[in-house]
């Protein structure tokens, strides 16, 4: 294992031990964050799947009604009505923080449905299409909020896993290897010092007896 490029002394040893302890605490927090993110993503994915299924059904009904409107009023009249249609919706996007991730909070305000196109070339079939879209707007906003939140949370958990892997496989092993090397080197120096000290005392004792 590759070691950190530091000098061998007790000051660096104590510093590296503190940094290693900090890294292990950070690893524990990242593991907790990963588990919380997984739980949130799983729950949100289930809700999004249900919302997506309902939205698909709603869109299928809308397209069926649109086909009826085109068959009844003609594609030209439908296109003109679509250009004139305006729901007056107001969409607001705020943010909320979850585990350090800024997630969107989408709200949509839609006034009561009042078709903005004229009566010429239009009718009940076209009104039904407009009503379908009008009624679907809040669900569309909610689904968009979920989809973006899932994207952001997935990106965050990928980043968290990369950090966990880096700590587990690179930084912590490097710190541990460096600390072990410094400890062994200091112990070796201490043994050498004690050996030299005993040797000097032996020489001194021999000199005193002469």
Protein backbone atom coordinates (compact mmCIF):
# COMPACT_ATOMS: atom_id res chain seq x y z
CA UNK A 1 0.00 0.00 0.00
CA UNK A 2 1.34 3.40 -1.00
CA UNK A 3 2.23 5.62 1.96
CA UNK A 4 1.80 9.36 2.43
CA UNK A 5 4.93 11.47 1.82
CA UNK A 6 5.57 12.75 5.36
CA UNK A 7 8.59 12.96 7.62
CA UNK A 8 9.02 10.37 10.32
CA UNK A 9 8.45 12.06 13.67
CA UNK A 10 5.99 11.95 16.53
CA UNK A 11 4.34 15.22 15.52
CA UNK A 12 3.33 13.78 12.16
CA UNK A 13 2.34 10.52 13.83
CA UNK A 14 -0.10 12.28 16.18
CA UNK A 15 -1.43 14.43 13.33
CA UNK A 16 -2.02 11.44 11.07
CA UNK A 17 -3.74 9.51 13.86
CA UNK A 18 -6.13 12.44 14.37
CA UNK A 19 -6.78 12.69 10.62
CA UNK A 20 -7.36 8.93 10.39
CA UNK A 21 -9.89 9.11 13.23
CA UNK A 22 -11.61 12.00 11.43
CA UNK A 23 -11.66 10.03 8.16
CA UNK A 24 -13.22 7.01 9.88
CA UNK A 25 -15.88 9.23 11.47
CA UNK A 26 -16.55 10.70 8.02
CA UNK A 27 -16.82 7.21 6.55
CA UNK A 28 -19.40 6.28 9.16
CA UNK A 29 -21.43 9.40 8.39
CA UNK A 30 -21.24 8.71 4.65
CA UNK A 31 -22.46 5.15 5.22
CA UNK A 32 -25.43 6.50 7.18
CA UNK A 33 -26.10 9.06 4.45
CA UNK A 34 -25.99 6.32 1.80
CA UNK A 35 -28.57 4.24 3.67
CA UNK A 36 -30.88 7.23 4.15
CA UNK A 37 -30.58 8.15 0.46
CA UNK A 38 -31.33 4.58 -0.60
CA UNK A 39 -34.44 4.55 1.60
CA UNK A 40 -35.61 7.89 0.21
CA UNK A 41 -34.94 6.92 -3.41
CA UNK A 42 -36.76 3.60 -2.99
CA UNK A 43 -39.83 5.28 -1.48
CA UNK A 44 -39.84 8.09 -4.04
CA UNK A 45 -39.35 5.69 -6.94
CA UNK A 46 -42.43 3.75 -5.86
CA UNK A 47 -44.50 6.93 -5.69
CA UNK A 48 -43.15 8.10 -9.05
CA UNK A 49 -43.97 4.76 -10.66
CA UNK A 50 -47.55 4.98 -9.42
CA UNK A 51 -47.84 8.62 -10.53
CA UNK A 52 -46.30 7.75 -13.92
CA UNK A 53 -48.82 4.94 -14.38
CA UNK A 54 -51.74 7.25 -13.60
CA UNK A 55 -50.32 9.91 -15.91
CA UNK A 56 -49.98 7.38 -18.73
CA UNK A 57 -53.63 6.41 -18.33
CA UNK A 58 -54.66 10.07 -18.27
CA UNK A 59 -52.64 10.83 -21.42
CA UNK A 60 -54.11 7.83 -23.19
CA UNK A 61 -57.62 9.14 -22.44
CA UNK A 62 -56.57 12.60 -23.58
CA UNK A 63 -55.19 11.30 -26.89
CA UNK A 64 -58.35 9.26 -27.41
CA UNK A 65 -60.46 12.38 -26.89
CA UNK A 66 -58.13 14.33 -29.16
CA UNK A 67 -58.61 11.77 -31.91
CA UNK A 68 -62.36 12.13 -31.45
CA UNK A 69 -62.05 15.93 -31.62
CA UNK A 70 -59.98 15.73 -34.83
CA UNK A 71 -62.47 13.32 -36.35
CA UNK A 72 -65.39 15.58 -35.37
CA UNK A 73 -64.01 19.08 -36.00
CA UNK A 74 -61.04 18.48 -38.32
CA UNK A 75 -57.35 18.90 -37.68
CA UNK A 76 -57.30 22.53 -38.83
CA UNK A 77 -59.93 23.65 -36.33
CA UNK A 78 -58.22 21.65 -33.58
CA UNK A 79 -54.89 23.30 -34.38
CA UNK A 80 -56.48 26.76 -34.29
CA UNK A 81 -58.15 26.00 -30.98
CA UNK A 82 -54.84 24.74 -29.56
CA UNK A 83 -53.11 27.98 -30.51
CA UNK A 84 -55.85 29.99 -28.84
CA UNK A 85 -56.02 27.80 -25.72
CA UNK A 86 -54.63 29.35 -22.55
CA UNK A 87 -55.17 28.04 -19.04
CA UNK A 88 -53.52 30.93 -17.22
CA UNK A 89 -51.50 28.53 -15.09
CA UNK A 90 -48.93 29.79 -12.60
CA UNK A 91 -46.02 27.46 -11.86
CA UNK A 92 -43.73 28.13 -8.89
CA UNK A 93 -40.59 26.15 -8.08
CA UNK A 94 -39.00 26.36 -4.64
CA UNK A 95 -36.31 24.24 -3.03
CA UNK A 96 -36.04 22.08 0.05
CA UNK A 97 -32.87 20.53 1.39
CA UNK A 98 -32.58 16.79 1.96
CA UNK A 99 -29.21 15.45 3.11
CA UNK A 100 -27.55 18.47 1.52
CA UNK A 101 -29.36 18.04 -1.80
CA UNK A 102 -31.56 20.89 -3.04
CA UNK A 103 -34.77 19.22 -4.20
CA UNK A 104 -37.52 21.05 -6.13
CA UNK A 105 -40.95 21.75 -4.69
CA UNK A 106 -43.33 22.48 -7.55
CA UNK A 107 -46.72 24.13 -7.13
CA UNK A 108 -49.10 24.97 -9.93
CA UNK A 109 -52.13 27.22 -9.72
CA UNK A 110 -54.75 26.87 -12.45
CA UNK A 111 -57.89 28.98 -12.60
CA UNK A 112 -61.26 27.45 -13.34
CA UNK A 113 -61.47 26.06 -16.86
CA UNK A 114 -62.87 28.55 -19.37
CA UNK A 115 -62.04 27.67 -23.01
CA UNK A 116 -60.40 30.67 -24.68
CA UNK A 117 -61.34 29.64 -28.22
CA UNK A 118 -64.59 30.55 -29.96
CA UNK A 119 -67.59 28.35 -30.69
CA UNK A 120 -67.01 28.19 -34.43
CA UNK A 121 -65.47 24.87 -35.44
CA UNK A 122 -65.34 23.61 -31.89
CA UNK A 123 -67.56 21.57 -29.64
CA UNK A 124 -67.87 19.11 -26.76
CA UNK A 125 -65.12 16.79 -28.01
CA UNK A 126 -62.61 19.62 -28.02
CA UNK A 127 -63.82 20.85 -24.63
CA UNK A 128 -63.17 17.36 -23.26
CA UNK A 129 -59.55 17.49 -24.46
CA UNK A 130 -59.03 20.84 -22.77
CA UNK A 131 -60.60 19.55 -19.56
CA UNK A 132 -58.35 16.50 -19.62
CA UNK A 133 -55.25 18.68 -19.90
CA UNK A 134 -56.58 21.12 -17.29
CA UNK A 135 -57.19 18.33 -14.79
CA UNK A 136 -53.80 16.73 -15.47
CA UNK A 137 -51.66 19.82 -14.82
CA UNK A 138 -51.23 19.33 -11.02
CA UNK A 139 -50.35 15.66 -11.53
CA UNK A 140 -47.85 16.60 -14.27
CA UNK A 141 -46.19 19.10 -11.92
CA UNK A 142 -46.05 16.54 -9.12
CA UNK A 143 -44.54 13.88 -11.39
CA UNK A 144 -41.96 16.36 -12.70
CA UNK A 145 -41.00 17.18 -9.10
CA UNK A 146 -40.54 13.47 -8.36
CA UNK A 147 -38.55 12.77 -11.52
CA UNK A 148 -36.13 15.65 -10.93
CA UNK A 149 -35.77 14.72 -7.25
CA UNK A 150 -34.95 11.13 -8.21
CA UNK A 151 -32.34 12.33 -10.69
CA UNK A 152 -30.69 14.59 -8.09
CA UNK A 153 -30.81 11.98 -5.31
CA UNK A 154 -29.37 9.32 -7.62
CA UNK A 155 -26.52 11.65 -8.58
CA UNK A 156 -25.90 12.35 -4.88
CA UNK A 157 -25.81 8.69 -3.90
CA UNK A 158 -23.36 7.97 -6.72
CA UNK A 159 -21.13 10.77 -5.42
CA UNK A 160 -21.48 9.44 -1.86
CA UNK A 161 -20.53 5.91 -2.93
CA UNK A 162 -17.47 7.26 -4.77
CA UNK A 163 -16.37 9.03 -1.58
CA UNK A 164 -16.96 5.90 0.49
CA UNK A 165 -14.91 3.82 -1.94
CA UNK A 166 -12.13 6.43 -1.95
CA UNK A 167 -11.96 6.43 1.85
CA UNK A 168 -12.16 2.63 2.10
CA UNK A 169 -9.76 1.79 -0.69
CA UNK A 170 -7.32 4.71 -0.87
CA UNK A 171 -7.22 7.26 1.94
CA UNK A 172 -7.77 5.15 5.06
CA UNK A 173 -5.39 2.34 3.92
CA UNK A 174 -2.77 4.98 3.03
CA UNK A 175 -3.10 6.60 6.45
CA UNK A 176 -2.95 3.24 8.22
CA UNK A 177 0.12 2.16 6.24
CA UNK A 178 1.87 5.47 6.89
CA UNK A 179 1.09 5.40 10.61
CA UNK A 180 2.34 1.83 10.87
CA UNK A 181 5.52 2.75 9.00
CA UNK A 182 6.16 5.76 11.25
CA UNK A 183 5.48 3.71 14.41
CA UNK A 184 7.85 0.96 13.29
CA UNK A 185 10.50 3.48 12.29
CA UNK A 186 10.25 5.33 15.62
CA UNK A 187 10.40 2.04 17.52
CA UNK A 188 13.47 1.06 15.53
CA UNK A 189 15.09 4.40 16.29
CA UNK A 190 14.23 4.00 19.98
CA UNK A 191 15.75 0.51 20.07
CA UNK A 192 18.86 1.83 18.33
CA UNK A 193 19.07 4.69 20.82
CA UNK A 194 18.75 2.32 23.79
CA UNK A 195 21.36 0.00 22.29
CA UNK A 196 23.79 2.87 21.79
CA UNK A 197 23.06 4.14 25.31
CA UNK A 198 23.77 0.73 26.87
CA UNK A 199 26.87 0.44 24.76
CA UNK A 200 28.18 3.81 25.95
CA UNK A 201 27.42 2.87 29.54
CA UNK A 202 29.32 -0.38 29.02
CA UNK A 203 32.30 1.50 27.66
CA UNK A 204 32.09 3.94 30.55
CA UNK A 205 31.95 1.10 33.05
CA UNK A 206 35.05 -0.52 31.55
CA UNK A 207 36.89 2.82 31.70
CA UNK A 208 36.00 3.25 35.40
CA UNK A 209 37.48 -0.16 36.24
CA UNK A 210 40.79 0.56 34.56
